[in-house]
C-alpha cells in the first residue's frame, strides 16, 4: 500500500509560481510512474502531467506545457510540480497519483490508470 501526501499549495497572484511536492511511503517509489491531476467543483479530474519511473520521460497537458515542470527524486521518494506563470484558470485542487509500472517507462494520462492517490492540495490563483 502506497501513501501519498501533497504539500506546497496556497494562494498566489497571476503570473506567480508555486512548487508542489508529493511524498510517497509504503512502496518502492522507483517502480511507480507518477502523475499530477487537478479538479474543480463539478468537473472531472483533469490530467496535468506524468513522469516515468526514472524521470527520463514526461508528458504534459497542452494547457500547462511550457509553464509547468514535473520532476522526481527517487532517493527521496518525492515528486514535484513546478508551476510558473500561473493563471486564474489553474485554480483547482491538485492531486498526485502513482501507477505501478515496475521498471517499464510509461506515462499514463488517464486517471483510471492510477492505483494510489494523495488527499489533494488547494492551489488558488487570484489577485
Protein backbone atom coordinates (compact mmCIF):
# COMPACT_ATOMS: atom_id res chain seq x y z
CA UNK A 1 0.00 0.00 0.00
CA UNK A 2 1.42 3.36 -1.04
CA UNK A 3 0.62 6.55 0.84
CA UNK A 4 0.96 9.89 -0.94
CA UNK A 5 0.99 13.28 0.77
CA UNK A 6 0.93 16.52 -1.20
CA UNK A 7 2.17 19.87 0.05
CA UNK A 8 3.01 23.30 -1.30
CA UNK A 9 -0.40 24.59 -2.34
CA UNK A 10 -1.66 28.04 -1.49
CA UNK A 11 -2.77 31.42 -2.78
CA UNK A 12 -0.68 33.11 -5.47
CA UNK A 13 -1.17 36.08 -7.76
CA UNK A 14 -1.49 35.64 -11.51
CA UNK A 15 1.96 35.29 -13.06
CA UNK A 16 3.37 33.85 -9.86
CA UNK A 17 4.91 30.47 -9.10
CA UNK A 18 4.37 27.56 -6.74
CA UNK A 19 6.08 24.23 -6.29
CA UNK A 20 4.03 21.25 -5.21
CA UNK A 21 5.62 18.22 -3.58
CA UNK A 22 4.29 14.70 -3.18
CA UNK A 23 5.99 12.47 -0.63
CA UNK A 24 5.46 8.74 -1.02
CA UNK A 25 5.79 5.95 1.52
CA UNK A 26 4.93 2.29 1.82
CA UNK A 27 6.25 1.10 -1.52
CA UNK A 28 9.27 1.11 -3.81
CA UNK A 29 8.87 4.60 -5.25
CA UNK A 30 11.08 3.95 -8.27
CA UNK A 31 8.71 1.24 -9.53
CA UNK A 32 5.88 3.74 -9.96
CA UNK A 33 5.13 6.18 -12.72
CA UNK A 34 3.83 9.34 -11.10
CA UNK A 35 1.28 11.89 -12.18
CA UNK A 36 -0.41 15.13 -11.23
CA UNK A 37 -4.10 15.81 -11.76
CA UNK A 38 -6.36 18.69 -10.82
CA UNK A 39 -10.05 19.08 -10.18
CA UNK A 40 -12.53 21.92 -9.78
CA UNK A 41 -16.07 21.55 -8.40
CA UNK A 42 -18.44 19.86 -10.80
CA UNK A 43 -15.72 18.82 -13.23
CA UNK A 44 -13.92 15.57 -13.89
CA UNK A 45 -10.38 15.12 -12.65
CA UNK A 46 -8.06 16.61 -15.29
CA UNK A 47 -4.63 15.31 -16.28
CA UNK A 48 -1.79 17.79 -15.71
CA UNK A 49 1.49 15.89 -16.08
CA UNK A 50 3.11 12.49 -15.72
CA UNK A 51 6.65 11.18 -15.33
CA UNK A 52 8.13 7.74 -15.88
CA UNK A 53 9.87 5.74 -13.19
CA UNK A 54 13.36 7.04 -13.98
CA UNK A 55 12.34 10.62 -14.74
CA UNK A 56 13.53 10.19 -18.31
CA UNK A 57 10.13 10.61 -19.90
CA UNK A 58 7.46 13.18 -19.17
CA UNK A 59 4.06 14.13 -20.58
CA UNK A 60 2.09 17.36 -20.15
CA UNK A 61 -1.40 18.60 -20.82
CA UNK A 62 -1.42 21.23 -23.55
CA UNK A 63 -2.84 23.76 -21.09
CA UNK A 64 0.28 23.66 -18.90
CA UNK A 65 3.02 22.85 -21.42
CA UNK A 66 5.87 25.36 -21.17
CA UNK A 67 4.69 26.64 -17.78
CA UNK A 68 4.75 23.55 -15.52
CA UNK A 69 7.60 21.10 -14.94
CA UNK A 70 7.22 17.68 -13.38
CA UNK A 71 10.21 16.01 -11.75
CA UNK A 72 11.05 13.33 -9.23
CA UNK A 73 13.76 12.36 -6.78
CA UNK A 74 13.72 8.60 -6.31
CA UNK A 75 16.21 8.79 -3.45
CA UNK A 76 13.74 10.97 -1.53
CA UNK A 77 10.60 9.16 -2.76
CA UNK A 78 9.19 12.51 -3.82
CA UNK A 79 7.76 14.01 -6.96
CA UNK A 80 7.40 17.70 -7.71
CA UNK A 81 5.37 20.02 -9.86
CA UNK A 82 6.95 23.41 -10.51
CA UNK A 83 4.23 25.77 -11.66
CA UNK A 84 5.24 29.08 -13.26
CA UNK A 85 3.26 31.85 -14.97
CA UNK A 86 0.16 30.78 -13.09
CA UNK A 87 -3.24 31.80 -14.40
CA UNK A 88 -6.61 32.04 -12.63
CA UNK A 89 -7.77 29.02 -14.63
CA UNK A 90 -5.08 26.95 -12.89
CA UNK A 91 -7.08 27.26 -9.68
CA UNK A 92 -8.00 23.75 -8.52
CA UNK A 93 -7.29 21.02 -6.03
CA UNK A 94 -4.13 19.28 -7.21
CA UNK A 95 -3.65 15.56 -6.63
CA UNK A 96 -0.60 13.39 -7.04
CA UNK A 97 -1.04 9.81 -8.14
CA UNK A 98 1.03 6.65 -8.53
CA UNK A 99 0.79 3.95 -11.20
CA UNK A 100 2.70 0.71 -10.70
CA UNK A 101 4.89 0.19 -13.76
CA UNK A 102 7.80 -1.86 -12.49
CA UNK A 103 10.81 -0.60 -14.43
CA UNK A 104 8.86 -0.08 -17.63
CA UNK A 105 8.74 3.52 -18.82
CA UNK A 106 5.14 4.63 -19.13
CA UNK A 107 3.44 7.98 -18.60
CA UNK A 108 -0.28 7.29 -18.10
CA UNK A 109 -2.67 10.08 -18.98
CA UNK A 110 -5.95 8.66 -17.72
CA UNK A 111 -6.84 8.92 -14.04
CA UNK A 112 -8.24 5.38 -14.34
CA UNK A 113 -4.71 4.03 -14.80
CA UNK A 114 -3.50 5.22 -11.41
CA UNK A 115 -3.52 2.98 -8.36
CA UNK A 116 -2.93 5.38 -5.48
CA UNK A 117 -3.88 8.99 -4.78
CA UNK A 118 -2.98 11.72 -2.36
CA UNK A 119 -5.53 13.78 -0.46
CA UNK A 120 -5.05 16.86 -2.62
CA UNK A 121 -3.74 20.38 -2.06
CA UNK A 122 -5.58 23.57 -2.98
CA UNK A 123 -4.00 26.00 -5.43
CA UNK A 124 -5.72 29.35 -5.84
CA UNK A 125 -4.53 31.90 -8.40
CA UNK A 126 -6.13 35.25 -7.74
CA UNK A 127 -5.26 38.90 -7.36
